[in-house]
N, C-alpha and C. Protein backbone atom coordinates (compact mmCIF):
# COMPACT_ATOMS: atom_id res chain seq x y z
N UNK A 1 -12.15 -18.71 -7.92
CA UNK A 1 -12.80 -17.61 -7.39
C UNK A 1 -12.13 -17.12 -6.13
N UNK A 2 -12.28 -15.79 -6.04
CA UNK A 2 -11.23 -15.00 -5.08
C UNK A 2 -11.86 -15.12 -3.82
N UNK A 3 -13.05 -15.47 -3.66
CA UNK A 3 -13.55 -15.52 -2.01
C UNK A 3 -15.15 -15.02 -2.25
N UNK A 4 -15.76 -15.07 -0.97
CA UNK A 4 -17.11 -14.73 -0.91
C UNK A 4 -17.68 -13.53 -1.37
N UNK A 5 -18.69 -13.33 -2.26
CA UNK A 5 -19.08 -12.11 -2.56
C UNK A 5 -18.14 -11.61 -3.91
N UNK A 6 -17.43 -12.57 -4.36
CA UNK A 6 -16.12 -12.09 -5.54
C UNK A 6 -17.00 -11.87 -6.72
N UNK A 7 -16.33 -11.14 -7.73
CA UNK A 7 -16.82 -11.04 -9.11
C UNK A 7 -17.23 -12.18 -9.74
N UNK A 8 -16.61 -13.05 -9.74
CA UNK A 8 -16.95 -14.46 -10.43
C UNK A 8 -18.05 -14.97 -9.74
N UNK A 9 -18.33 -14.87 -8.52
CA UNK A 9 -19.60 -15.62 -7.79
C UNK A 9 -20.68 -14.56 -8.46
N UNK A 10 -20.54 -13.27 -8.40
CA UNK A 10 -21.69 -12.33 -8.97
C UNK A 10 -21.94 -12.78 -10.39
N UNK A 11 -21.11 -12.91 -11.34
CA UNK A 11 -21.42 -13.38 -12.60
C UNK A 11 -21.93 -14.67 -12.74
N UNK A 12 -21.45 -15.48 -11.76
CA UNK A 12 -22.16 -16.94 -11.81
C UNK A 12 -23.62 -16.79 -11.43
N UNK A 13 -23.60 -15.99 -10.51
CA UNK A 13 -25.19 -15.91 -9.99
C UNK A 13 -26.18 -15.13 -10.82
N UNK A 14 -25.58 -14.38 -11.52
CA UNK A 14 -26.37 -13.62 -12.59
C UNK A 14 -26.61 -14.52 -13.80
N UNK A 15 -25.85 -15.38 -14.14
CA UNK A 15 -26.10 -16.43 -15.22
C UNK A 15 -26.86 -17.36 -14.90
N UNK A 16 -27.03 -17.89 -13.69
CA UNK A 16 -28.02 -18.80 -13.08
C UNK A 16 -29.31 -18.19 -12.93
N UNK A 17 -29.27 -16.83 -12.76
CA UNK A 17 -30.60 -16.12 -12.80
C UNK A 17 -31.23 -15.92 -14.11
N UNK A 18 -30.35 -15.79 -15.18
CA UNK A 18 -30.92 -15.56 -16.57
C UNK A 18 -31.43 -16.83 -16.74
N UNK A 19 -30.67 -17.92 -16.59
CA UNK A 19 -31.00 -19.45 -16.80
C UNK A 19 -32.38 -19.73 -16.33
N UNK A 20 -32.68 -19.42 -15.05
CA UNK A 20 -33.89 -19.85 -14.43
C UNK A 20 -35.15 -18.80 -14.65
N UNK A 21 -34.83 -17.76 -15.12
CA UNK A 21 -35.72 -16.68 -15.44
C UNK A 21 -36.39 -17.21 -16.88
N UNK A 22 -35.37 -17.25 -17.71
CA UNK A 22 -35.69 -17.97 -19.14
C UNK A 22 -36.31 -19.20 -19.13
N UNK A 23 -36.15 -20.10 -18.31
CA UNK A 23 -36.81 -21.45 -18.06
C UNK A 23 -38.17 -21.32 -17.42
N UNK A 24 -38.49 -20.59 -16.72
CA UNK A 24 -39.71 -20.55 -15.91
C UNK A 24 -40.67 -19.19 -16.25
N UNK A 25 -40.08 -18.53 -16.91
CA UNK A 25 -40.94 -17.26 -17.58
C UNK A 25 -40.79 -16.95 -19.06
N UNK A 26 -41.76 -17.59 -19.63
CA UNK A 26 -41.40 -17.39 -20.99
C UNK A 26 -41.94 -16.11 -21.58
N UNK A 27 -41.27 -15.49 -22.64
CA UNK A 27 -41.22 -14.33 -23.25
C UNK A 27 -42.53 -14.21 -23.88
N UNK A 28 -43.24 -12.98 -23.91
CA UNK A 28 -44.48 -12.84 -24.53
C UNK A 28 -44.21 -12.60 -26.00
N UNK A 29 -42.93 -12.33 -26.45
CA UNK A 29 -42.81 -11.82 -28.01
C UNK A 29 -41.31 -12.19 -28.27
N UNK A 30 -41.08 -12.36 -29.37
CA UNK A 30 -39.78 -12.52 -29.96
C UNK A 30 -39.03 -11.31 -29.81
N UNK A 31 -39.44 -10.07 -29.69
CA UNK A 31 -38.97 -8.75 -29.59
C UNK A 31 -38.46 -8.70 -28.13
N UNK A 32 -39.58 -9.17 -27.08
CA UNK A 32 -39.20 -8.98 -25.98
C UNK A 32 -37.90 -9.78 -25.38
N UNK A 33 -37.89 -11.20 -26.08
CA UNK A 33 -36.57 -12.06 -25.60
C UNK A 33 -35.59 -11.31 -26.25
N UNK A 34 -35.57 -10.82 -27.56
CA UNK A 34 -34.44 -10.22 -27.97
C UNK A 34 -33.79 -8.91 -27.19
N UNK A 35 -34.68 -8.14 -26.77
CA UNK A 35 -34.46 -6.84 -25.67
C UNK A 35 -33.82 -7.45 -24.33
N UNK A 36 -34.34 -8.35 -23.84
CA UNK A 36 -33.71 -9.07 -22.61
C UNK A 36 -32.15 -9.72 -22.91
N UNK A 37 -32.20 -10.41 -24.08
CA UNK A 37 -30.90 -10.95 -24.38
C UNK A 37 -29.81 -9.80 -24.52
N UNK A 38 -30.12 -8.69 -25.27
CA UNK A 38 -29.13 -7.41 -25.15
C UNK A 38 -28.91 -7.11 -23.99
N UNK A 39 -29.94 -6.96 -22.86
CA UNK A 39 -29.60 -6.18 -21.86
C UNK A 39 -28.72 -7.09 -21.11
N UNK A 40 -28.86 -8.60 -21.08
CA UNK A 40 -28.17 -9.41 -20.41
C UNK A 40 -26.51 -9.40 -20.86
N UNK A 41 -26.66 -9.22 -22.18
CA UNK A 41 -25.30 -9.23 -23.05
C UNK A 41 -24.53 -8.23 -22.50
N UNK A 42 -25.06 -6.79 -22.27
CA UNK A 42 -24.71 -5.73 -21.81
C UNK A 42 -24.28 -5.69 -20.32
N UNK A 43 -24.83 -6.47 -19.61
CA UNK A 43 -24.62 -6.61 -18.12
C UNK A 43 -23.56 -7.39 -17.88
N UNK A 44 -23.29 -8.31 -18.47
CA UNK A 44 -22.10 -9.06 -18.02
C UNK A 44 -20.85 -8.66 -18.24
N UNK A 45 -20.46 -7.74 -19.46
CA UNK A 45 -19.39 -7.07 -19.27
C UNK A 45 -19.13 -6.08 -18.24
N UNK A 46 -20.36 -5.36 -18.05
CA UNK A 46 -20.37 -4.19 -17.12
C UNK A 46 -20.00 -4.66 -15.62
N UNK A 47 -20.59 -5.83 -15.26
CA UNK A 47 -20.29 -6.51 -14.00
C UNK A 47 -18.97 -6.95 -13.85
N UNK A 48 -18.22 -7.45 -15.13
CA UNK A 48 -16.72 -7.79 -15.03
C UNK A 48 -15.87 -6.31 -15.00
N UNK A 49 -16.38 -5.46 -15.32
CA UNK A 49 -15.32 -4.10 -15.48
C UNK A 49 -15.58 -2.93 -14.45
N UNK A 50 -16.75 -3.40 -13.56
CA UNK A 50 -17.01 -2.39 -12.73
C UNK A 50 -16.23 -2.63 -11.54
N UNK A 51 -15.28 -1.49 -11.08
CA UNK A 51 -14.38 -1.73 -9.86
C UNK A 51 -15.27 -1.72 -8.56
N UNK A 52 -16.16 -0.71 -8.14
CA UNK A 52 -16.74 -0.76 -6.84
C UNK A 52 -18.49 -1.13 -7.25
N UNK A 53 -18.90 -2.04 -6.68
CA UNK A 53 -20.37 -2.28 -6.78
C UNK A 53 -21.08 -1.56 -6.02
N UNK A 54 -20.67 -1.19 -4.81
CA UNK A 54 -21.53 -0.42 -3.69
C UNK A 54 -20.94 0.77 -3.69
N UNK A 55 -21.85 1.69 -4.05
CA UNK A 55 -21.45 3.36 -4.01
C UNK A 55 -21.54 3.75 -2.47
N UNK A 56 -20.90 4.84 -2.24
CA UNK A 56 -20.78 5.40 -0.80
C UNK A 56 -22.18 6.16 -0.72
N UNK A 57 -22.76 5.82 0.42
CA UNK A 57 -24.08 6.58 0.69
C UNK A 57 -23.70 8.19 0.81
N UNK A 58 -22.47 8.23 1.64
CA UNK A 58 -22.28 9.67 2.05
C UNK A 58 -20.61 9.87 1.86
N UNK A 59 -20.22 11.22 1.54
CA UNK A 59 -18.80 11.36 1.74
C UNK A 59 -17.91 11.19 2.91
N UNK A 60 -17.09 10.50 3.03
CA UNK A 60 -16.36 10.30 4.17
C UNK A 60 -15.35 11.44 4.41
N UNK A 61 -15.78 12.33 5.65
CA UNK A 61 -14.89 13.38 5.59
C UNK A 61 -13.53 12.94 6.19
N UNK A 62 -12.46 13.70 5.67
CA UNK A 62 -10.98 13.54 5.98
C UNK A 62 -10.16 14.87 6.36
N UNK A 63 -9.74 14.75 7.46
CA UNK A 63 -8.88 15.78 7.84
C UNK A 63 -7.64 15.34 8.77
N UNK A 64 -6.53 15.11 8.23
CA UNK A 64 -5.36 14.62 9.15
C UNK A 64 -4.39 15.72 9.65
N UNK A 65 -3.46 15.25 10.56
CA UNK A 65 -2.47 16.12 11.10
C UNK A 65 -1.29 15.75 10.64
N UNK A 66 -1.02 15.05 9.74
CA UNK A 66 0.52 14.39 9.24
C UNK A 66 1.20 15.55 8.82
N UNK A 67 0.63 16.78 8.32
CA UNK A 67 1.29 17.85 7.99
C UNK A 67 1.84 18.70 8.89
N UNK A 68 1.44 18.43 10.26
CA UNK A 68 2.23 19.05 11.34
C UNK A 68 3.65 18.85 11.37
N UNK A 69 3.91 17.44 10.96
CA UNK A 69 5.51 17.09 10.93
C UNK A 69 6.22 18.30 10.16
N UNK A 70 5.81 18.74 9.05
CA UNK A 70 6.67 19.91 8.22
C UNK A 70 6.94 21.16 9.10
N UNK A 71 5.74 21.37 10.02
CA UNK A 71 5.95 22.56 10.92
C UNK A 71 7.05 22.12 12.09
N UNK A 72 7.02 20.61 12.49
CA UNK A 72 7.96 20.38 13.44
C UNK A 72 9.15 20.39 12.96
N UNK A 73 9.65 20.09 11.68
CA UNK A 73 10.85 20.03 11.20
C UNK A 73 11.45 21.37 10.95
N UNK A 74 10.78 22.47 11.12
CA UNK A 74 11.50 23.95 10.76
C UNK A 74 11.98 24.28 12.12
N UNK A 75 11.60 23.81 13.35
CA UNK A 75 12.17 24.46 14.80
C UNK A 75 13.03 23.39 15.34
N UNK A 76 14.26 23.35 15.78
CA UNK A 76 14.84 22.42 16.55
C UNK A 76 14.39 22.05 17.70
N UNK A 77 13.45 22.87 18.43
CA UNK A 77 12.87 22.89 19.75
C UNK A 77 11.51 21.64 19.35
N UNK A 78 11.23 21.53 18.12
CA UNK A 78 10.06 20.74 17.99
C UNK A 78 10.37 19.23 17.13
N UNK A 79 12.01 19.29 16.97
CA UNK A 79 12.30 17.94 16.35
C UNK A 79 11.76 16.85 17.20
N UNK A 80 11.78 16.86 18.51
CA UNK A 80 11.31 15.40 19.23
C UNK A 80 9.92 15.16 18.69
N UNK A 81 9.02 16.24 18.36
CA UNK A 81 7.49 16.03 18.12
C UNK A 81 7.78 15.15 16.40
N UNK A 82 8.73 15.66 15.91
CA UNK A 82 8.65 15.15 14.53
C UNK A 82 9.14 13.74 14.79
N UNK A 83 10.29 13.33 15.39
CA UNK A 83 10.67 12.04 15.80
C UNK A 83 9.55 11.21 16.55
N UNK A 84 8.81 11.71 17.21
CA UNK A 84 7.84 11.08 17.90
C UNK A 84 6.72 10.58 16.77
N UNK A 85 6.43 11.75 15.82
CA UNK A 85 5.43 11.38 14.79
C UNK A 85 5.79 10.31 13.74
N UNK A 86 7.14 10.50 13.17
CA UNK A 86 7.46 9.83 12.07
C UNK A 86 8.72 8.96 12.42
N UNK A 87 9.30 8.79 13.61
CA UNK A 87 10.14 7.78 14.01
C UNK A 87 11.40 8.09 13.35
N UNK A 88 11.84 9.16 12.89
CA UNK A 88 13.03 9.53 12.24
C UNK A 88 13.36 10.95 12.54
N UNK A 89 14.62 11.31 12.40
CA UNK A 89 14.76 12.74 12.66
C UNK A 89 14.59 13.45 11.39
N UNK A 90 14.21 14.62 11.38
CA UNK A 90 14.05 15.41 10.34
C UNK A 90 15.31 15.37 9.23
N UNK A 91 16.60 15.52 9.69
CA UNK A 91 17.61 15.00 8.57
C UNK A 91 17.68 13.94 8.09
N UNK A 92 17.50 12.72 8.78
CA UNK A 92 17.27 11.69 8.04
C UNK A 92 16.21 11.31 7.23
N UNK A 93 15.27 11.95 7.71
CA UNK A 93 14.20 11.94 6.58
C UNK A 93 14.15 12.68 5.44
N UNK A 94 14.88 13.74 5.34
CA UNK A 94 15.35 14.53 3.99
C UNK A 94 16.45 13.94 3.29
N UNK A 95 17.33 13.25 3.99
CA UNK A 95 18.27 12.37 3.09
C UNK A 95 17.58 11.30 2.61
N UNK A 96 16.76 10.55 3.38
CA UNK A 96 16.07 9.10 2.53
C UNK A 96 15.08 9.85 1.57
N UNK A 97 14.54 10.99 1.77
CA UNK A 97 13.62 11.49 0.69
C UNK A 97 14.43 11.88 -0.45
N UNK A 98 15.64 12.48 -0.32
CA UNK A 98 16.43 12.78 -1.55
C UNK A 98 16.79 11.50 -2.26
N UNK A 99 17.13 10.41 -1.44
CA UNK A 99 17.55 9.17 -2.15
C UNK A 99 16.23 8.40 -3.05
N UNK A 100 15.14 8.63 -2.49
CA UNK A 100 13.80 7.95 -3.32
C UNK A 100 13.11 8.74 -4.13
N UNK A 101 13.27 10.05 -3.94
CA UNK A 101 12.08 10.88 -4.30
C UNK A 101 12.07 10.84 -6.35
N UNK A 102 13.33 10.44 -6.80
CA UNK A 102 13.26 10.21 -8.48
C UNK A 102 12.97 8.81 -8.77
N UNK A 103 12.50 8.08 -7.86
CA UNK A 103 12.40 6.81 -8.27
C UNK A 103 11.08 6.65 -9.41
N UNK A 104 11.11 5.55 -10.34
CA UNK A 104 10.14 5.74 -11.14
C UNK A 104 8.52 5.30 -10.49
N UNK A 105 8.59 4.49 -9.39
CA UNK A 105 7.45 4.15 -8.77
C UNK A 105 6.50 5.46 -8.43
N UNK A 106 7.20 6.37 -8.22
CA UNK A 106 6.16 7.87 -7.97
C UNK A 106 5.74 8.51 -9.09
N UNK A 107 6.02 7.97 -10.14
CA UNK A 107 5.42 8.79 -11.27
C UNK A 107 4.65 7.73 -12.24
N UNK A 108 3.58 8.26 -12.82
CA UNK A 108 2.62 7.58 -13.45
C UNK A 108 2.37 8.30 -14.81
N UNK A 109 1.61 7.59 -15.65
CA UNK A 109 1.00 8.20 -16.88
C UNK A 109 -0.01 8.68 -16.68
N UNK A 110 -0.91 8.69 -15.55
CA UNK A 110 -2.01 8.93 -15.43
C UNK A 110 -2.43 10.65 -15.44
N UNK A 111 -3.48 11.13 -15.45
CA UNK A 111 -3.74 12.39 -15.52
C UNK A 111 -3.87 12.93 -14.03
N UNK A 112 -4.15 11.95 -13.16
CA UNK A 112 -4.25 12.41 -11.66
C UNK A 112 -2.91 12.29 -11.16
N UNK A 113 -2.23 13.25 -10.89
CA UNK A 113 -1.10 13.32 -10.04
C UNK A 113 -0.98 12.44 -8.79
N UNK A 114 0.09 11.74 -8.41
CA UNK A 114 0.33 10.94 -7.23
C UNK A 114 0.56 12.00 -5.93
N UNK A 115 0.25 11.84 -4.89
CA UNK A 115 0.61 12.70 -3.69
C UNK A 115 2.01 12.77 -3.64
N UNK A 116 2.29 14.13 -3.15
CA UNK A 116 3.95 14.38 -2.99
C UNK A 116 4.69 12.90 -2.42
N UNK A 117 5.92 13.00 -2.74
CA UNK A 117 6.70 11.79 -2.34
C UNK A 117 6.73 11.80 -0.73
N UNK A 118 7.12 13.30 -0.41
CA UNK A 118 7.22 13.56 1.18
C UNK A 118 5.97 12.91 1.93
N UNK A 119 5.06 13.30 1.42
CA UNK A 119 3.68 12.72 2.10
C UNK A 119 3.71 11.37 2.27
N UNK A 120 4.03 10.59 1.06
CA UNK A 120 3.93 9.20 1.02
C UNK A 120 4.76 8.53 1.86
N UNK A 121 6.09 9.34 2.12
CA UNK A 121 7.13 8.84 2.81
C UNK A 121 6.79 8.77 4.18
N UNK A 122 5.94 10.10 4.66
CA UNK A 122 5.67 10.23 6.11
C UNK A 122 4.56 9.40 6.45
N UNK A 123 3.76 9.09 5.56
CA UNK A 123 2.61 8.15 5.96
C UNK A 123 3.40 6.62 6.31
N UNK A 124 4.15 6.45 5.38
CA UNK A 124 4.83 5.07 5.37
C UNK A 124 5.71 5.20 6.78
N UNK A 125 6.38 6.08 7.20
CA UNK A 125 7.16 5.97 8.49
C UNK A 125 6.18 5.96 9.58
N UNK A 126 5.23 6.65 9.44
CA UNK A 126 4.22 6.69 10.47
C UNK A 126 3.67 5.31 10.70
N UNK A 127 3.36 4.53 9.91
CA UNK A 127 2.80 3.32 9.89
C UNK A 127 3.71 2.53 10.38
N UNK A 128 4.87 2.27 9.84
CA UNK A 128 5.93 1.53 10.12
C UNK A 128 6.32 1.55 11.70
N UNK A 129 6.18 3.03 12.16
CA UNK A 129 6.58 3.26 13.71
C UNK A 129 5.50 2.90 14.54
N UNK A 130 4.05 2.48 14.20
CA UNK A 130 3.10 2.35 14.99
C UNK A 130 3.08 0.96 15.32
N UNK A 131 2.31 0.77 16.33
CA UNK A 131 2.03 -1.03 16.79
C UNK A 131 0.65 -0.73 17.38
N UNK A 132 0.08 -2.07 17.37
CA UNK A 132 -1.32 -2.33 17.89
C UNK A 132 -2.31 -1.85 16.79
N UNK A 133 -3.37 -1.10 17.60
CA UNK A 133 -4.40 -0.41 16.68
C UNK A 133 -3.95 0.83 16.13
N UNK A 134 -3.00 1.25 16.91
CA UNK A 134 -2.28 2.77 15.96
C UNK A 134 -1.88 2.48 14.87
N UNK A 135 -1.38 1.29 14.47
CA UNK A 135 -0.77 0.89 13.08
C UNK A 135 -1.85 0.36 12.03
N UNK A 136 -3.03 0.27 12.68
CA UNK A 136 -3.96 0.01 11.60
C UNK A 136 -4.00 0.81 10.38
N UNK A 137 -4.46 0.13 9.34
CA UNK A 137 -4.54 1.10 8.00
C UNK A 137 -5.51 2.15 8.47
N UNK A 138 -6.64 1.85 9.03
CA UNK A 138 -7.67 2.80 9.20
C UNK A 138 -7.32 3.90 10.20
N UNK A 139 -6.44 3.85 10.98
CA UNK A 139 -5.97 4.68 11.83
C UNK A 139 -4.91 5.70 11.29
N UNK A 140 -4.14 5.01 10.56
CA UNK A 140 -3.06 5.63 9.76
C UNK A 140 -3.77 6.67 8.84
N UNK A 141 -4.70 5.96 8.09
CA UNK A 141 -5.65 7.05 7.24
C UNK A 141 -6.04 8.04 7.82
N UNK A 142 -6.73 7.81 8.98
CA UNK A 142 -7.37 8.92 9.86
C UNK A 142 -6.15 10.13 10.18
N UNK A 143 -5.12 9.69 10.75
CA UNK A 143 -4.15 10.48 11.02
C UNK A 143 -3.56 11.30 10.10
N UNK A 144 -3.59 10.79 8.80
CA UNK A 144 -2.84 11.34 7.47
C UNK A 144 -4.19 12.01 6.65
N UNK A 145 -5.25 11.78 6.82
CA UNK A 145 -6.56 12.39 6.16
C UNK A 145 -6.30 11.92 4.82
N UNK A 146 -6.35 10.53 4.71
CA UNK A 146 -6.23 9.93 3.27
C UNK A 146 -7.26 8.93 3.30
N UNK A 147 -7.51 8.16 2.25
CA UNK A 147 -8.15 6.98 2.16
C UNK A 147 -7.36 5.80 2.57
N UNK A 148 -8.00 4.81 3.12
CA UNK A 148 -7.13 3.59 3.26
C UNK A 148 -6.30 3.07 2.35
N UNK A 149 -7.02 2.81 1.18
CA UNK A 149 -6.08 2.39 0.10
C UNK A 149 -4.80 3.11 -0.32
N UNK A 150 -4.99 4.46 0.26
CA UNK A 150 -3.82 5.10 -0.28
C UNK A 150 -2.66 4.77 0.74
N UNK A 151 -2.93 4.41 2.05
CA UNK A 151 -2.11 4.21 3.03
C UNK A 151 -1.25 2.91 2.25
N UNK A 152 -1.96 1.93 1.96
CA UNK A 152 -1.30 0.75 1.24
C UNK A 152 -0.53 1.06 0.13
N UNK A 153 -1.01 1.97 -0.67
CA UNK A 153 -0.16 2.15 -1.98
C UNK A 153 0.81 2.97 -1.80
N UNK A 154 0.78 4.12 -0.45
CA UNK A 154 1.97 4.91 -0.31
C UNK A 154 3.36 3.97 0.33
N UNK A 155 2.77 3.09 1.16
CA UNK A 155 3.79 2.05 1.67
C UNK A 155 4.32 1.29 0.64
N UNK A 156 3.58 0.54 -0.35
CA UNK A 156 4.22 -0.28 -1.21
C UNK A 156 5.17 0.46 -2.04
N UNK A 157 4.69 1.65 -2.44
CA UNK A 157 5.48 2.46 -3.11
C UNK A 157 6.85 3.11 -2.70
N UNK A 158 6.97 3.31 -1.45
CA UNK A 158 7.91 3.73 -0.74
C UNK A 158 9.06 2.66 -0.39
N UNK A 159 8.24 1.53 -0.16
CA UNK A 159 9.49 0.43 0.18
C UNK A 159 9.94 -0.12 -1.00
N UNK A 160 9.16 0.02 -2.16
CA UNK A 160 9.93 -0.32 -3.47
C UNK A 160 10.94 0.57 -3.50
N UNK A 161 10.81 1.84 -3.53
CA UNK A 161 11.52 2.75 -3.72
C UNK A 161 13.20 2.35 -2.77
N UNK A 162 12.81 2.38 -1.70
CA UNK A 162 13.86 2.25 -0.66
C UNK A 162 14.70 0.67 -0.90
N UNK A 163 13.80 -0.23 -1.16
CA UNK A 163 14.37 -1.58 -1.51
C UNK A 163 15.51 -1.44 -2.58
N UNK A 164 15.14 -0.48 -3.59
CA UNK A 164 16.19 -0.37 -4.78
C UNK A 164 17.59 0.17 -4.33
N UNK A 165 17.46 0.69 -3.12
CA UNK A 165 18.91 1.28 -2.85
C UNK A 165 19.68 0.03 -1.95
N UNK A 166 19.08 -1.11 -1.86
CA UNK A 166 19.66 -2.09 -1.27
C UNK A 166 21.26 -2.48 -1.84
N UNK A 167 21.29 -2.58 -2.90
CA UNK A 167 22.68 -2.89 -3.75
C UNK A 167 23.74 -1.84 -3.67
N UNK A 168 23.13 -0.78 -3.57
CA UNK A 168 24.00 0.47 -3.30
C UNK A 168 24.75 0.54 -1.96
N UNK A 169 23.82 0.40 -0.99
CA UNK A 169 24.44 0.55 0.40
C UNK A 169 24.62 -0.52 1.21
N UNK A 170 23.96 -1.99 0.94
CA UNK A 170 24.32 -3.06 1.50
C UNK A 170 25.13 -3.99 0.52
N UNK A 171 26.48 -4.00 1.05
CA UNK A 171 27.54 -4.94 0.22
C UNK A 171 28.02 -6.12 0.95
N UNK A 172 27.81 -7.29 0.40
CA UNK A 172 28.59 -8.39 1.08
C UNK A 172 29.96 -8.09 1.74
N UNK A 173 30.16 -8.77 2.74
CA UNK A 173 31.69 -8.76 3.36
C UNK A 173 32.59 -9.38 2.41
N UNK A 174 33.89 -8.80 2.40
CA UNK A 174 34.88 -9.57 1.56
C UNK A 174 35.40 -10.69 2.79
N UNK A 175 36.18 -11.72 2.27
CA UNK A 175 36.72 -12.80 3.23
C UNK A 175 37.54 -12.19 4.22
N UNK A 176 38.29 -11.24 3.95
CA UNK A 176 39.12 -10.41 5.10
C UNK A 176 38.30 -9.80 6.05
N UNK A 177 37.01 -9.24 5.58
CA UNK A 177 36.26 -8.84 6.64
C UNK A 177 35.27 -9.56 7.47
N UNK A 178 34.96 -10.67 6.63
CA UNK A 178 34.52 -11.65 7.67
C UNK A 178 35.34 -12.08 8.73
N UNK A 179 36.68 -12.41 8.28
CA UNK A 179 37.62 -12.88 9.16
C UNK A 179 37.74 -11.98 10.41
N UNK A 180 37.68 -10.64 10.07
CA UNK A 180 37.81 -9.63 11.24
C UNK A 180 36.48 -9.97 12.16
N UNK A 181 35.57 -9.79 11.56
CA UNK A 181 34.07 -10.13 12.18
C UNK A 181 34.38 -11.32 13.27
N UNK A 182 34.76 -12.79 12.71
CA UNK A 182 34.73 -13.72 13.35
C UNK A 182 35.77 -13.44 14.53
N UNK A 183 36.90 -13.01 14.20
CA UNK A 183 37.94 -12.85 15.21
C UNK A 183 37.38 -11.75 16.49
N UNK A 184 36.71 -10.87 15.86
CA UNK A 184 36.01 -10.01 17.03
C UNK A 184 35.25 -10.37 18.15
N UNK A 185 34.07 -11.61 17.23
CA UNK A 185 33.20 -12.19 17.89
C UNK A 185 33.96 -13.18 18.99
N UNK A 186 34.85 -14.05 18.66
CA UNK A 186 35.56 -14.92 19.34
C UNK A 186 36.27 -14.23 20.66
N UNK A 187 36.63 -12.90 20.29
CA UNK A 187 37.53 -12.12 21.28
C UNK A 187 36.36 -11.78 22.37
N UNK A 188 35.19 -11.41 22.03
CA UNK A 188 34.00 -10.99 23.05
C UNK A 188 33.55 -12.04 23.70
N UNK A 189 33.43 -13.31 22.95
CA UNK A 189 32.86 -14.53 23.71
C UNK A 189 33.81 -15.44 24.69
N UNK A 190 35.14 -15.07 24.05
CA UNK A 190 36.44 -15.85 24.97
C UNK A 190 36.50 -17.11 24.64
N UNK A 191 36.01 -17.69 23.52
CA UNK A 191 36.13 -19.09 23.02
C UNK A 191 35.59 -19.03 21.35
N UNK A 192 35.99 -20.05 21.00
CA UNK A 192 35.75 -20.52 19.33
C UNK A 192 34.55 -21.18 19.24
N UNK A 193 33.59 -20.41 18.60
CA UNK A 193 32.30 -21.40 18.34
C UNK A 193 32.28 -22.43 17.29
N UNK A 194 31.38 -23.13 17.27
CA UNK A 194 31.40 -24.10 16.10
C UNK A 194 30.75 -23.68 14.88
N UNK A 195 30.39 -22.56 14.99
CA UNK A 195 29.75 -21.66 13.58
C UNK A 195 30.92 -21.03 13.08
N UNK A 196 31.94 -21.27 13.51
CA UNK A 196 33.18 -20.23 12.94
C UNK A 196 33.33 -20.49 11.32
N UNK A 197 33.08 -21.66 10.71
CA UNK A 197 33.27 -21.68 9.42
C UNK A 197 31.87 -22.35 9.05
N UNK A 198 31.03 -22.24 9.56
CA UNK A 198 29.74 -22.84 9.21
C UNK A 198 28.69 -22.11 8.68
């Protein structure tokens, strides 16, 4: 089971309720027993397949301000505001966006289109640059004007796309390059450390 109140626990409770009800409350007729059996048989798959058990009592209003980043990127006088919001200069943001925007993770076979990649990247960078309560999923969702689950989805998708660039831009040092680095470090420290070949 996955935790308190999990789907498995709910199904187990339903089955126990069926057993106890059938044990202590006899049916008045075979037809009533048949109808109850059909209801129970239909209820169990429905419990297994239902994504959310508790509906919302009301619509959660959303109105973020992450869209201001695009306005800040238009005027060099506002670049510091863009940097403060997304923790990356507009030019670097655009370069990163170009590198990841065609990654398959941003495309699905659903009839519901994903949010624009630039929005997903902006939300990811905003969250990564935050700390404390300001980096909480709820706070990021509020600033971005999106649902909490979208914050996690956007971040996961952007990190998947960024990590796919690893082998293109991160290359292991050659033996000669390692030797240059070791020599530089020794010159900076003024002595040869025990880690030299370890």
